[in-house]
PDB file of N, CA and C in Angstrom:
ATOM      1  N   UNK A   1      28.847  29.994  -5.573  1.00  0.00           N
ATOM      2  CA  UNK A   1      29.211  29.257  -5.051  1.00  0.00           C
ATOM      3  C   UNK A   1      28.351  29.123  -4.160  1.00  0.00           C
ATOM      4  N   UNK A   2      27.523  30.208  -3.294  1.00  0.00           N
ATOM      5  CA  UNK A   2      26.873  29.701  -1.670  1.00  0.00           C
ATOM      6  C   UNK A   2      25.661  29.539  -2.458  1.00  0.00           C
ATOM      7  N   UNK A   3      25.015  30.291  -3.553  1.00  0.00           N
ATOM      8  CA  UNK A   3      23.706  30.102  -4.197  1.00  0.00           C
ATOM      9  C   UNK A   3      23.167  28.559  -4.187  1.00  0.00           C
ATOM     10  N   UNK A   4      24.696  27.948  -4.549  1.00  0.00           N
ATOM     11  CA  UNK A   4      24.175  26.363  -4.872  1.00  0.00           C
ATOM     12  C   UNK A   4      23.440  25.855  -3.588  1.00  0.00           C
ATOM     13  N   UNK A   5      24.123  25.922  -2.533  1.00  0.00           N
ATOM     14  CA  UNK A   5      23.688  25.325  -1.504  1.00  0.00           C
ATOM     15  C   UNK A   5      21.805  25.747  -1.287  1.00  0.00           C
ATOM     16  N   UNK A   6      21.933  26.866  -1.510  1.00  0.00           N
ATOM     17  CA  UNK A   6      20.434  27.573  -1.495  1.00  0.00           C
ATOM     18  C   UNK A   6      19.501  26.305  -2.576  1.00  0.00           C
ATOM     19  N   UNK A   7      19.853  27.008  -3.760  1.00  0.00           N
ATOM     20  CA  UNK A   7      19.212  25.870  -4.538  1.00  0.00           C
ATOM     21  C   UNK A   7      18.862  24.898  -4.386  1.00  0.00           C
ATOM     22  N   UNK A   8      20.093  23.778  -4.044  1.00  0.00           N
ATOM     23  CA  UNK A   8      19.518  22.349  -3.755  1.00  0.00           C
ATOM     24  C   UNK A   8      18.720  21.914  -2.395  1.00  0.00           C
ATOM     25  N   UNK A   9      18.252  22.974  -1.735  1.00  0.00           N
ATOM     26  CA  UNK A   9      17.652  23.063  -0.629  1.00  0.00           C
ATOM     27  C   UNK A   9      16.431  23.115  -1.171  1.00  0.00           C
ATOM     28  N   UNK A  10      15.955  23.661  -1.823  1.00  0.00           N
ATOM     29  CA  UNK A  10      14.907  23.881  -3.023  1.00  0.00           C
ATOM     30  C   UNK A  10      14.105  23.427  -3.569  1.00  0.00           C
ATOM     31  N   UNK A  11      14.867  22.401  -4.202  1.00  0.00           N
ATOM     32  CA  UNK A  11      15.112  21.511  -4.928  1.00  0.00           C
ATOM     33  C   UNK A  11      14.711  20.434  -4.672  1.00  0.00           C
ATOM     34  N   UNK A  12      15.705  20.376  -3.077  1.00  0.00           N
ATOM     35  CA  UNK A  12      14.849  19.100  -2.316  1.00  0.00           C
ATOM     36  C   UNK A  12      13.848  19.227  -1.503  1.00  0.00           C
ATOM     37  N   UNK A  13      12.711  20.465  -1.444  1.00  0.00           N
ATOM     38  CA  UNK A  13      11.388  20.896  -0.805  1.00  0.00           C
ATOM     39  C   UNK A  13      10.802  20.418  -1.849  1.00  0.00           C
ATOM     40  N   UNK A  14      11.268  20.915  -3.068  1.00  0.00           N
ATOM     41  CA  UNK A  14      10.059  20.869  -4.277  1.00  0.00           C
ATOM     42  C   UNK A  14       9.638  19.441  -4.645  1.00  0.00           C
ATOM     43  N   UNK A  15      10.675  18.440  -4.061  1.00  0.00           N
ATOM     44  CA  UNK A  15      10.883  17.378  -4.409  1.00  0.00           C
ATOM     45  C   UNK A  15       9.939  16.721  -3.723  1.00  0.00           C
ATOM     46  N   UNK A  16       9.660  16.844  -2.394  1.00  0.00           N
ATOM     47  CA  UNK A  16       8.806  16.130  -0.699  1.00  0.00           C
ATOM     48  C   UNK A  16       7.737  15.992  -1.517  1.00  0.00           C
ATOM     49  N   UNK A  17       7.183  17.271  -2.504  1.00  0.00           N
ATOM     50  CA  UNK A  17       5.762  17.107  -2.499  1.00  0.00           C
ATOM     51  C   UNK A  17       5.161  16.580  -3.658  1.00  0.00           C
ATOM     52  N   UNK A  18       6.251  16.581  -5.151  1.00  0.00           N
ATOM     53  CA  UNK A  18       5.588  15.634  -5.914  1.00  0.00           C
ATOM     54  C   UNK A  18       5.330  14.161  -5.781  1.00  0.00           C
ATOM     55  N   UNK A  19       4.139  13.771  -6.793  1.00  0.00           N
ATOM     56  CA  UNK A  19       3.755  12.259  -6.407  1.00  0.00           C
ATOM     57  C   UNK A  19       4.505  11.645  -6.817  1.00  0.00           C
ATOM     58  N   UNK A  20       4.695  10.712  -5.951  1.00  0.00           N
ATOM     59  CA  UNK A  20       5.794   9.357  -6.035  1.00  0.00           C
ATOM     60  C   UNK A  20       7.206   9.351  -5.418  1.00  0.00           C
ATOM     61  N   UNK A  21       7.068  11.399  -5.238  1.00  0.00           N
ATOM     62  CA  UNK A  21       8.610  11.068  -4.320  1.00  0.00           C
ATOM     63  C   UNK A  21       8.416  10.184  -2.659  1.00  0.00           C
ATOM     64  N   UNK A  22       7.057  10.780  -2.830  1.00  0.00           N
ATOM     65  CA  UNK A  22       7.114  10.180  -1.127  1.00  0.00           C
ATOM     66  C   UNK A  22       6.125   8.890  -1.255  1.00  0.00           C
ATOM     67  N   UNK A  23       5.978   7.905  -0.645  1.00  0.00           N
ATOM     68  CA  UNK A  23       4.756   7.385  -0.756  1.00  0.00           C
ATOM     69  C   UNK A  23       3.862   7.320   0.378  1.00  0.00           C
ATOM     70  N   UNK A  24       2.934   8.378  -0.212  1.00  0.00           N
ATOM     71  CA  UNK A  24       1.782   8.953   1.277  1.00  0.00           C
ATOM     72  C   UNK A  24       0.572   9.477   0.012  1.00  0.00           C
ATOM     73  N   UNK A  25      -0.684   8.852   0.963  1.00  0.00           N
ATOM     74  CA  UNK A  25      -2.081   9.105   0.325  1.00  0.00           C
ATOM     75  C   UNK A  25      -2.657   9.995   1.263  1.00  0.00           C
ATOM     76  N   UNK A  26      -2.831  11.121   0.189  1.00  0.00           N
ATOM     77  CA  UNK A  26      -3.432  12.184   0.340  1.00  0.00           C
ATOM     78  C   UNK A  26      -5.003  12.271   0.436  1.00  0.00           C
ATOM     79  N   UNK A  27      -5.248  11.939  -0.299  1.00  0.00           N
ATOM     80  CA  UNK A  27      -6.720  11.440  -0.855  1.00  0.00           C
ATOM     81  C   UNK A  27      -7.936  10.321   0.525  1.00  0.00           C
ATOM     82  N   UNK A  28      -8.874  10.836   0.558  1.00  0.00           N
ATOM     83  CA  UNK A  28      -9.499   9.664   1.135  1.00  0.00           C
ATOM     84  C   UNK A  28      -9.795   7.976   1.198  1.00  0.00           C
ATOM     85  N   UNK A  29      -9.476   7.879   1.874  1.00  0.00           N
ATOM     86  CA  UNK A  29      -9.218   6.094   2.357  1.00  0.00           C
ATOM     87  C   UNK A  29     -10.512   5.732   2.702  1.00  0.00           C
ATOM     88  N   UNK A  30     -11.360   5.928   2.989  1.00  0.00           N
ATOM     89  CA  UNK A  30     -12.897   5.489   3.413  1.00  0.00           C
ATOM     90  C   UNK A  30     -13.916   5.159   3.067  1.00  0.00           C
ATOM     91  N   UNK A  31     -14.692   3.543   2.826  1.00  0.00           N
ATOM     92  CA  UNK A  31     -15.233   2.975   1.396  1.00  0.00           C
ATOM     93  C   UNK A  31     -16.239   3.424   1.593  1.00  0.00           C
ATOM     94  N   UNK A  32     -17.216   4.175   0.730  1.00  0.00           N
ATOM     95  CA  UNK A  32     -18.737   4.417   0.165  1.00  0.00           C
ATOM     96  C   UNK A  32     -19.328   3.219   0.368  1.00  0.00           C
ATOM     97  N   UNK A  33     -19.489   3.337  -0.481  1.00  0.00           N
ATOM     98  CA  UNK A  33     -19.854   1.842  -1.341  1.00  0.00           C
ATOM     99  C   UNK A  33     -19.320   1.792  -2.811  1.00  0.00           C
ATOM    100  N   UNK A  34     -19.135   0.029  -3.300  1.00  0.00           N
ATOM    101  CA  UNK A  34     -18.680   0.206  -4.627  1.00  0.00           C
ATOM    102  C   UNK A  34     -19.023   0.869  -5.867  1.00  0.00           C
ATOM    103  N   UNK A  35     -20.374   1.699  -6.478  1.00  0.00           N
ATOM    104  CA  UNK A  35     -20.628   2.205  -6.937  1.00  0.00           C
ATOM    105  C   UNK A  35     -19.934   3.591  -6.958  1.00  0.00           C
ATOM    106  N   UNK A  36     -19.850   4.313  -6.082  1.00  0.00           N
ATOM    107  CA  UNK A  36     -19.328   5.469  -6.245  1.00  0.00           C
ATOM    108  C   UNK A  36     -17.962   5.510  -6.370  1.00  0.00           C
ATOM    109  N   UNK A  37     -17.281   6.647  -6.780  1.00  0.00           N
ATOM    110  CA  UNK A  37     -15.833   7.307  -7.420  1.00  0.00           C
ATOM    111  C   UNK A  37     -15.137   7.969  -6.038  1.00  0.00           C
ATOM    112  N   UNK A  38     -13.666   7.624  -6.285  1.00  0.00           N
ATOM    113  CA  UNK A  38     -13.594   8.942  -5.556  1.00  0.00           C
ATOM    114  C   UNK A  38     -13.580  10.497  -5.733  1.00  0.00           C
ATOM    115  N   UNK A  39     -14.143  11.279  -4.771  1.00  0.00           N
ATOM    116  CA  UNK A  39     -14.081  12.389  -4.731  1.00  0.00           C
ATOM    117  C   UNK A  39     -12.672  13.445  -5.438  1.00  0.00           C
ATOM    118  N   UNK A  40     -12.673  14.557  -6.419  1.00  0.00           N
ATOM    119  CA  UNK A  40     -11.756  14.830  -6.419  1.00  0.00           C
ATOM    120  C   UNK A  40     -11.528  15.538  -5.199  1.00  0.00           C
ATOM    121  N   UNK A  41      -9.373  16.002  -4.843  1.00  0.00           N
ATOM    122  CA  UNK A  41      -9.340  17.140  -3.795  1.00  0.00           C
ATOM    123  C   UNK A  41      -9.804  18.002  -4.340  1.00  0.00           C
ATOM    124  N   UNK A  42     -10.553  18.770  -2.350  1.00  0.00           N
ATOM    125  CA  UNK A  42     -11.322  20.313  -2.390  1.00  0.00           C
ATOM    126  C   UNK A  42     -10.378  20.654  -2.286  1.00  0.00           C
ATOM    127  N   UNK A  43      -9.269  20.940  -1.252  1.00  0.00           N
ATOM    128  CA  UNK A  43      -8.337  21.642  -0.860  1.00  0.00           C
ATOM    129  C   UNK A  43      -7.257  21.168  -0.883  1.00  0.00           C
ATOM    130  N   UNK A  44      -6.228  21.935  -1.980  1.00  0.00           N
ATOM    131  CA  UNK A  44      -5.317  21.763  -1.949  1.00  0.00           C
ATOM    132  C   UNK A  44      -4.106  21.114  -1.028  1.00  0.00           C
ATOM    133  N   UNK A  45      -3.646  19.882  -1.036  1.00  0.00           N
ATOM    134  CA  UNK A  45      -1.748  20.423   0.602  1.00  0.00           C
ATOM    135  C   UNK A  45      -0.229  19.864  -0.265  1.00  0.00           C
ATOM    136  N   UNK A  46      -0.566  20.184  -1.687  1.00  0.00           N
ATOM    137  CA  UNK A  46       0.923  20.057  -1.796  1.00  0.00           C
ATOM    138  C   UNK A  46       1.032  21.187  -3.315  1.00  0.00           C
ATOM    139  N   UNK A  47       2.296  21.299  -3.425  1.00  0.00           N
ATOM    140  CA  UNK A  47       2.487  22.563  -4.116  1.00  0.00           C
ATOM    141  C   UNK A  47       1.528  22.333  -5.643  1.00  0.00           C
ATOM    142  N   UNK A  48       1.486  21.266  -5.757  1.00  0.00           N
ATOM    143  CA  UNK A  48       1.360  21.048  -8.063  1.00  0.00           C
ATOM    144  C   UNK A  48      -0.188  20.947  -7.549  1.00  0.00           C
ATOM    145  N   UNK A  49      -1.112  20.197  -6.810  1.00  0.00           N
ATOM    146  CA  UNK A  49      -2.078  20.836  -6.235  1.00  0.00           C
ATOM    147  C   UNK A  49      -2.494  22.326  -6.609  1.00  0.00           C
ATOM    148  N   UNK A  50      -1.412  22.681  -5.458  1.00  0.00           N
ATOM    149  CA  UNK A  50      -1.803  24.241  -5.136  1.00  0.00           C
ATOM    150  C   UNK A  50      -1.991  25.557  -6.773  1.00  0.00           C
ATOM    151  N   UNK A  51      -1.389  24.653  -7.557  1.00  0.00           N
ATOM    152  CA  UNK A  51      -1.473  25.392  -8.503  1.00  0.00           C
ATOM    153  C   UNK A  51      -2.220  24.920  -9.477  1.00  0.00           C
ATOM    154  N   UNK A  52      -2.099  23.614  -9.772  1.00  0.00           N
ATOM    155  CA  UNK A  52      -3.395  23.227 -10.279  1.00  0.00           C
ATOM    156  C   UNK A  52      -4.712  23.848 -10.362  1.00  0.00           C
ATOM    157  N   UNK A  53      -4.870  24.030  -9.186  1.00  0.00           N
ATOM    158  CA  UNK A  53      -6.079  24.647  -8.884  1.00  0.00           C
ATOM    159  C   UNK A  53      -6.603  26.129  -9.462  1.00  0.00           C
ATOM    160  N   UNK A  54      -5.352  27.048  -9.745  1.00  0.00           N
ATOM    161  CA  UNK A  54      -4.761  28.211  -9.625  1.00  0.00           C
ATOM    162  C   UNK A  54      -4.172  29.037  -8.433  1.00  0.00           C
ATOM    163  N   UNK A  55      -3.971  28.674  -7.619  1.00  0.00           N
ATOM    164  CA  UNK A  55      -3.555  29.188  -6.296  1.00  0.00           C
ATOM    165  C   UNK A  55      -1.856  29.117  -6.586  1.00  0.00           C
ATOM    166  N   UNK A  56      -1.242  29.977  -5.702  1.00  0.00           N
ATOM    167  CA  UNK A  56       0.284  30.005  -5.491  1.00  0.00           C
ATOM    168  C   UNK A  56       0.428  29.703  -4.141  1.00  0.00           C
ATOM    169  N   UNK A  57       1.636  29.517  -4.273  1.00  0.00           N
ATOM    170  CA  UNK A  57       2.018  29.340  -2.461  1.00  0.00           C
ATOM    171  C   UNK A  57       2.566  30.495  -1.578  1.00  0.00           C
ATOM    172  N   UNK A  58       2.473  31.324  -0.696  1.00  0.00           N
ATOM    173  CA  UNK A  58       3.635  31.953  -0.748  1.00  0.00           C
ATOM    174  C   UNK A  58       3.057  32.334   1.220  1.00  0.00           C
ATOM    175  N   UNK A  59       4.307  32.833   2.167  1.00  0.00           N
ATOM    176  CA  UNK A  59       3.808  32.673   3.208  1.00  0.00           C
ATOM    177  C   UNK A  59       2.730  33.231   4.181  1.00  0.00           C
ATOM    178  N   UNK A  60       2.282  34.347   3.900  1.00  0.00           N
ATOM    179  CA  UNK A  60       0.760  34.718   3.931  1.00  0.00           C
ATOM    180  C   UNK A  60      -0.010  35.362   3.363  1.00  0.00           C
ATOM    181  N   UNK A  61      -1.381  35.140   3.242  1.00  0.00           N
ATOM    182  CA  UNK A  61      -2.069  35.558   1.969  1.00  0.00           C
ATOM    183  C   UNK A  61      -2.326  37.154   2.043  1.00  0.00           C
ATOM    184  N   UNK A  62      -2.416  37.673   2.036  1.00  0.00           N
ATOM    185  CA  UNK A  62      -2.616  39.177   1.943  1.00  0.00           C
ATOM    186  C   UNK A  62      -3.804  39.865   1.384  1.00  0.00           C
ATOM    187  N   UNK A  63      -4.741  40.897   1.533  1.00  0.00           N
ATOM    188  CA  UNK A  63      -6.275  40.950   1.434  1.00  0.00           C
ATOM    189  C   UNK A  63      -5.267  41.632   0.035  1.00  0.00           C
ATOM    190  N   UNK A  64      -5.847  41.201  -1.111  1.00  0.00           N
ATOM    191  CA  UNK A  64      -7.049  40.009  -1.368  1.00  0.00           C
ATOM    192  C   UNK A  64      -7.465  38.980  -1.341  1.00  0.00           C
ATOM    193  N   UNK A  65      -6.209  38.186  -0.799  1.00  0.00           N
ATOM    194  CA  UNK A  65      -6.026  36.888  -1.220  1.00  0.00           C
ATOM    195  C   UNK A  65      -6.335  36.060  -0.090  1.00  0.00           C
ATOM    196  N   UNK A  66      -6.855  34.836  -0.084  1.00  0.00           N
ATOM    197  CA  UNK A  66      -7.215  34.324   1.244  1.00  0.00           C
ATOM    198  C   UNK A  66      -7.191  33.104   0.917  1.00  0.00           C
ATOM    199  N   UNK A  67      -6.734  32.209   2.028  1.00  0.00           N
ATOM    200  CA  UNK A  67      -5.607  31.138   1.902  1.00  0.00           C
ATOM    201  C   UNK A  67      -6.645  29.440   1.451  1.00  0.00           C
ATOM    202  N   UNK A  68      -6.747  29.161   0.579  1.00  0.00           N
ATOM    203  CA  UNK A  68      -7.756  27.785   0.631  1.00  0.00           C
ATOM    204  C   UNK A  68      -7.373  26.290   0.794  1.00  0.00           C
ATOM    205  N   UNK A  69      -5.741  25.993   1.523  1.00  0.00           N
ATOM    206  CA  UNK A  69      -5.712  24.971   1.871  1.00  0.00           C
ATOM    207  C   UNK A  69      -3.651  25.669   1.961  1.00  0.00           C
ATOM    208  N   UNK A  70      -3.240  24.161   1.850  1.00  0.00           N
ATOM    209  CA  UNK A  70      -1.558  24.642   2.229  1.00  0.00           C
ATOM    210  C   UNK A  70      -0.782  23.274   0.963  1.00  0.00           C
ATOM    211  N   UNK A  71       0.153  23.920   0.937  1.00  0.00           N
ATOM    212  CA  UNK A  71       1.517  23.662   0.201  1.00  0.00           C
ATOM    213  C   UNK A  71       2.148  22.733   0.493  1.00  0.00           C
ATOM    214  N   UNK A  72       1.832  22.837   2.013  1.00  0.00           N
ATOM    215  CA  UNK A  72       3.004  21.629   2.862  1.00  0.00           C
ATOM    216  C   UNK A  72       3.747  22.397   3.814  1.00  0.00           C
ATOM    217  N   UNK A  73       4.058  21.802   5.092  1.00  0.00           N
ATOM    218  CA  UNK A  73       4.788  22.186   5.812  1.00  0.00           C
ATOM    219  C   UNK A  73       3.621  23.372   6.629  1.00  0.00           C
ATOM    220  N   UNK A  74       3.196  23.720   6.648  1.00  0.00           N
ATOM    221  CA  UNK A  74       2.870  25.328   7.095  1.00  0.00           C
ATOM    222  C   UNK A  74       2.431  26.117   6.039  1.00  0.00           C
ATOM    223  N   UNK A  75       2.885  26.071   4.724  1.00  0.00           N
ATOM    224  CA  UNK A  75       2.953  27.121   4.660  1.00  0.00           C
ATOM    225  C   UNK A  75       1.793  27.506   3.450  1.00  0.00           C
ATOM    226  N   UNK A  76       0.425  28.410   3.844  1.00  0.00           N
ATOM    227  CA  UNK A  76      -0.562  28.255   2.833  1.00  0.00           C
ATOM    228  C   UNK A  76      -1.025  28.337   1.326  1.00  0.00           C
ATOM    229  N   UNK A  77      -2.113  27.951   0.799  1.00  0.00           N
ATOM    230  CA  UNK A  77      -1.909  27.967  -0.771  1.00  0.00           C
ATOM    231  C   UNK A  77      -3.205  29.545  -0.711  1.00  0.00           C
ATOM    232  N   UNK A  78      -2.687  30.718  -1.476  1.00  0.00           N
ATOM    233  CA  UNK A  78      -3.572  32.190  -1.664  1.00  0.00           C
ATOM    234  C   UNK A  78      -4.291  31.781  -2.986  1.00  0.00           C
ATOM    235  N   UNK A  79      -5.420  32.111  -3.455  1.00  0.00           N
ATOM    236  CA  UNK A  79      -6.038  32.286  -4.357  1.00  0.00           C
ATOM    237  C   UNK A  79      -6.866  33.861  -4.023  1.00  0.00           C
ATOM    238  N   UNK A  80      -6.947  34.307  -5.266  1.00  0.00           N
ATOM    239  CA  UNK A  80      -7.958  35.519  -5.872  1.00  0.00           C
ATOM    240  C   UNK A  80      -8.999  35.636  -4.533  1.00  0.00           C
ATOM    241  N   UNK A  81      -9.343  36.109  -3.985  1.00  0.00           N
ATOM    242  CA  UNK A  81     -10.817  36.283  -4.242  1.00  0.00           C
ATOM    243  C   UNK A  81     -11.305  37.420  -4.155  1.00  0.00           C
ATOM    244  N   UNK A  82     -12.931  37.558  -4.863  1.00  0.00           N
ATOM    245  CA  UNK A  82     -13.352  38.539  -5.269  1.00  0.00           C
ATOM    246  C   UNK A  82     -14.329  38.975  -4.237  1.00  0.00           C
ATOM    247  N   UNK A  83     -14.391  40.646  -4.256  1.00  0.00           N
ATOM    248  CA  UNK A  83     -15.373  41.063  -3.283  1.00  0.00           C
ATOM    249  C   UNK A  83     -16.563  40.595  -4.079  1.00  0.00           C
ATOM    250  N   UNK A  84     -17.787  40.686  -2.614  1.00  0.00           N
ATOM    251  CA  UNK A  84     -18.981  40.490  -3.395  1.00  0.00           C
ATOM    252  C   UNK A  84     -19.963  41.969  -3.449  1.00  0.00           C
ATOM    253  N   UNK A  85     -19.707  43.068  -3.518  1.00  0.00           N
ATOM    254  CA  UNK A  85     -19.956  43.839  -3.686  1.00  0.00           C
ATOM    255  C   UNK A  85     -19.998  44.594  -5.167  1.00  0.00           C
TER     256      UNK A  85
END
């Protein structure tokens, strides 16, 4: 029964970052011109965006991984960085 509280908390945190749950616009709201379209999000700011670009959410990105954005609440979105050698 004690795990039920933990599962509820994790479920609530996942819902916090899903589109439509919170009415927050994370995209750029500045208008450049009528002919340009909005560019895709370059750095992820939610868990779903992190997963879509091939990353994963973890507390700290240890080598060979590097942070490429956030998953919300200050948790970095980590991705594999290829060595240049």
